[in-house]
Amino acid sequence: HVVDVHDLVRLEAAGVATVLVATTSFAALARQVAAADGLPDARIAVVDHPLGGIGEADVVARAERAVDVVLALVTRAVKAVRNTADGIAVAD
């Protein structure tokens, strides 16, 4: 099931820790929508764009790089996560 930003906001409002994974091309839009929906601190992990049109090995590599960020966000260890200058969330 694909979860969009509106689902993220509804799940968080229901007390379900939720992380949205967005690509660099859509991260700003995801943050804007979440903020407009009342969740300015939405848990959004960012991976390089694009995901479509690339090989499975490249998708897996991007997913593996995002695991620590997703885990940190879902466990609310947000102090362990920072955004780089280009907006990519990374785990320290």
C-alpha atoms as a PDB file:
ATOM      1  CA  HIS A   1       0.000   0.000   0.000  1.00  0.00           C
ATOM      2  CA  VAL A   2       1.345   3.388  -0.953  1.00  0.00           C
ATOM      3  CA  VAL A   3       1.138   5.964   1.824  1.00  0.00           C
ATOM      4  CA  ASP A   4       0.887   9.590   0.790  1.00  0.00           C
ATOM      5  CA  VAL A   5       1.364  12.726   2.880  1.00  0.00           C
ATOM      6  CA  HIS A   6      -2.308  12.904   3.838  1.00  0.00           C
ATOM      7  CA  ASP A   7      -2.148   9.290   5.075  1.00  0.00           C
ATOM      8  CA  LEU A   8       0.984  10.162   7.042  1.00  0.00           C
ATOM      9  CA  VAL A   9      -0.828  13.014   8.795  1.00  0.00           C
ATOM     10  CA  ARG A  10      -3.887  10.849   9.562  1.00  0.00           C
ATOM     11  CA  LEU A  11      -1.751   7.989  10.893  1.00  0.00           C
ATOM     12  CA  GLU A  12       0.334  10.304  13.074  1.00  0.00           C
ATOM     13  CA  ALA A  13      -2.873  11.912  14.410  1.00  0.00           C
ATOM     14  CA  ALA A  14      -4.036   8.412  15.337  1.00  0.00           C
ATOM     15  CA  GLY A  15      -0.814   7.809  17.257  1.00  0.00           C
ATOM     16  CA  VAL A  16       0.865   5.605  14.662  1.00  0.00           C
ATOM     17  CA  ALA A  17       4.506   6.541  14.107  1.00  0.00           C
ATOM     18  CA  THR A  18       4.809   6.917  10.341  1.00  0.00           C
ATOM     19  CA  VAL A  19       7.708   7.762   8.054  1.00  0.00           C
ATOM     20  CA  LEU A  20       7.186   8.903   4.493  1.00  0.00           C
ATOM     21  CA  VAL A  21      10.035   8.188   2.087  1.00  0.00           C
ATOM     22  CA  ALA A  22      10.240  10.855  -0.605  1.00  0.00           C
ATOM     23  CA  THR A  23      12.744  11.493  -3.340  1.00  0.00           C
ATOM     24  CA  THR A  24      14.735  14.710  -3.476  1.00  0.00           C
ATOM     25  CA  SER A  25      12.424  16.066  -6.186  1.00  0.00           C
ATOM     26  CA  PHE A  26       9.324  15.691  -4.013  1.00  0.00           C
ATOM     27  CA  ALA A  27      10.616  16.227  -0.461  1.00  0.00           C
ATOM     28  CA  ALA A  28       9.868  19.959  -0.334  1.00  0.00           C
ATOM     29  CA  LEU A  29       6.344  19.393  -1.620  1.00  0.00           C
ATOM     30  CA  ALA A  30       5.803  16.625   0.937  1.00  0.00           C
ATOM     31  CA  ARG A  31       6.950  18.938   3.734  1.00  0.00           C
ATOM     32  CA  GLN A  32       4.696  21.747   2.492  1.00  0.00           C
ATOM     33  CA  VAL A  33       1.642  19.486   2.295  1.00  0.00           C
ATOM     34  CA  ALA A  34       2.330  18.008   5.737  1.00  0.00           C
ATOM     35  CA  ALA A  35       2.704  21.480   7.237  1.00  0.00           C
ATOM     36  CA  ALA A  36      -0.492  22.664   5.551  1.00  0.00           C
ATOM     37  CA  ASP A  37      -2.252  19.608   7.008  1.00  0.00           C
ATOM     38  CA  GLY A  38      -1.041  20.552  10.490  1.00  0.00           C
ATOM     39  CA  LEU A  39       2.058  18.379  10.797  1.00  0.00           C
ATOM     40  CA  PRO A  40       5.070  20.651  10.207  1.00  0.00           C
ATOM     41  CA  ASP A  41       7.430  18.144  11.865  1.00  0.00           C
ATOM     42  CA  ALA A  42       6.384  15.198   9.686  1.00  0.00           C
ATOM     43  CA  ARG A  43       8.838  12.321   9.623  1.00  0.00           C
ATOM     44  CA  ILE A  44      10.117  12.390   6.056  1.00  0.00           C
ATOM     45  CA  ALA A  45      13.170  10.449   4.925  1.00  0.00           C
ATOM     46  CA  VAL A  46      14.635  11.636   1.649  1.00  0.00           C
ATOM     47  CA  VAL A  47      16.330   9.494  -0.983  1.00  0.00           C
ATOM     48  CA  ASP A  48      17.896  10.483  -4.284  1.00  0.00           C
ATOM     49  CA  HIS A  49      15.611  10.994  -7.263  1.00  0.00           C
ATOM     50  CA  PRO A  50      14.604   9.173  -9.402  1.00  0.00           C
ATOM     51  CA  LEU A  51      13.529   5.722  -8.316  1.00  0.00           C
ATOM     52  CA  GLY A  52      11.733   4.882 -11.539  1.00  0.00           C
ATOM     53  CA  GLY A  53      13.760   3.954 -14.569  1.00  0.00           C
ATOM     54  CA  ILE A  54      16.801   2.792 -12.620  1.00  0.00           C
ATOM     55  CA  GLY A  55      17.954  -0.742 -11.965  1.00  0.00           C
ATOM     56  CA  GLU A  56      16.880  -2.822  -8.996  1.00  0.00           C
ATOM     57  CA  ALA A  57      20.400  -2.758  -7.538  1.00  0.00           C
ATOM     58  CA  ASP A  58      20.343   1.059  -7.510  1.00  0.00           C
ATOM     59  CA  VAL A  59      16.939   1.127  -5.802  1.00  0.00           C
ATOM     60  CA  VAL A  60      18.159  -1.356  -3.184  1.00  0.00           C
ATOM     61  CA  ALA A  61      21.305   0.705  -2.575  1.00  0.00           C
ATOM     62  CA  ARG A  62      19.233   3.846  -2.010  1.00  0.00           C
ATOM     63  CA  ALA A  63      16.910   1.970   0.324  1.00  0.00           C
ATOM     64  CA  GLU A  64      19.844   0.587   2.306  1.00  0.00           C
ATOM     65  CA  ARG A  65      21.263   4.105   2.720  1.00  0.00           C
ATOM     66  CA  ALA A  66      17.889   5.281   4.058  1.00  0.00           C
ATOM     67  CA  VAL A  67      17.357   2.519   6.636  1.00  0.00           C
ATOM     68  CA  ASP A  68      19.129   4.253   9.521  1.00  0.00           C
ATOM     69  CA  VAL A  69      17.217   7.474   8.879  1.00  0.00           C
ATOM     70  CA  VAL A  70      13.863   5.681   8.722  1.00  0.00           C
ATOM     71  CA  LEU A  71      14.599   3.780  11.934  1.00  0.00           C
ATOM     72  CA  ALA A  72      15.721   6.941  13.713  1.00  0.00           C
ATOM     73  CA  LEU A  73      12.600   8.784  12.604  1.00  0.00           C
ATOM     74  CA  VAL A  74      10.144   6.014  13.450  1.00  0.00           C
ATOM     75  CA  THR A  75      11.626   5.562  16.913  1.00  0.00           C
ATOM     76  CA  ARG A  76      11.479   9.314  17.465  1.00  0.00           C
ATOM     77  CA  ALA A  77      15.232   9.563  17.809  1.00  0.00           C
ATOM     78  CA  VAL A  78      15.078  12.750  15.776  1.00  0.00           C
ATOM     79  CA  LYS A  79      18.170  14.179  17.449  1.00  0.00           C
ATOM     80  CA  ALA A  80      20.099  11.501  15.560  1.00  0.00           C
ATOM     81  CA  VAL A  81      18.845  12.840  12.243  1.00  0.00           C
ATOM     82  CA  ARG A  82      19.906  15.997  10.497  1.00  0.00           C
ATOM     83  CA  ASN A  83      19.302  17.530   7.101  1.00  0.00           C
ATOM     84  CA  THR A  84      22.218  18.221   4.822  1.00  0.00           C
ATOM     85  CA  ALA A  85      22.463  21.512   2.936  1.00  0.00           C
ATOM     86  CA  ASP A  86      20.561  19.981   0.023  1.00  0.00           C
ATOM     87  CA  GLY A  87      17.746  18.763   2.304  1.00  0.00           C
ATOM     88  CA  ILE A  88      18.689  15.095   2.441  1.00  0.00           C
ATOM     89  CA  ALA A  89      18.082  13.560   5.868  1.00  0.00           C
ATOM     90  CA  VAL A  90      21.025  11.564   7.179  1.00  0.00           C
ATOM     91  CA  ALA A  91      21.582   9.641  10.398  1.00  0.00           C
ATOM     92  CA  ASP A  92      24.597  10.698  12.435  1.00  0.00           C
END
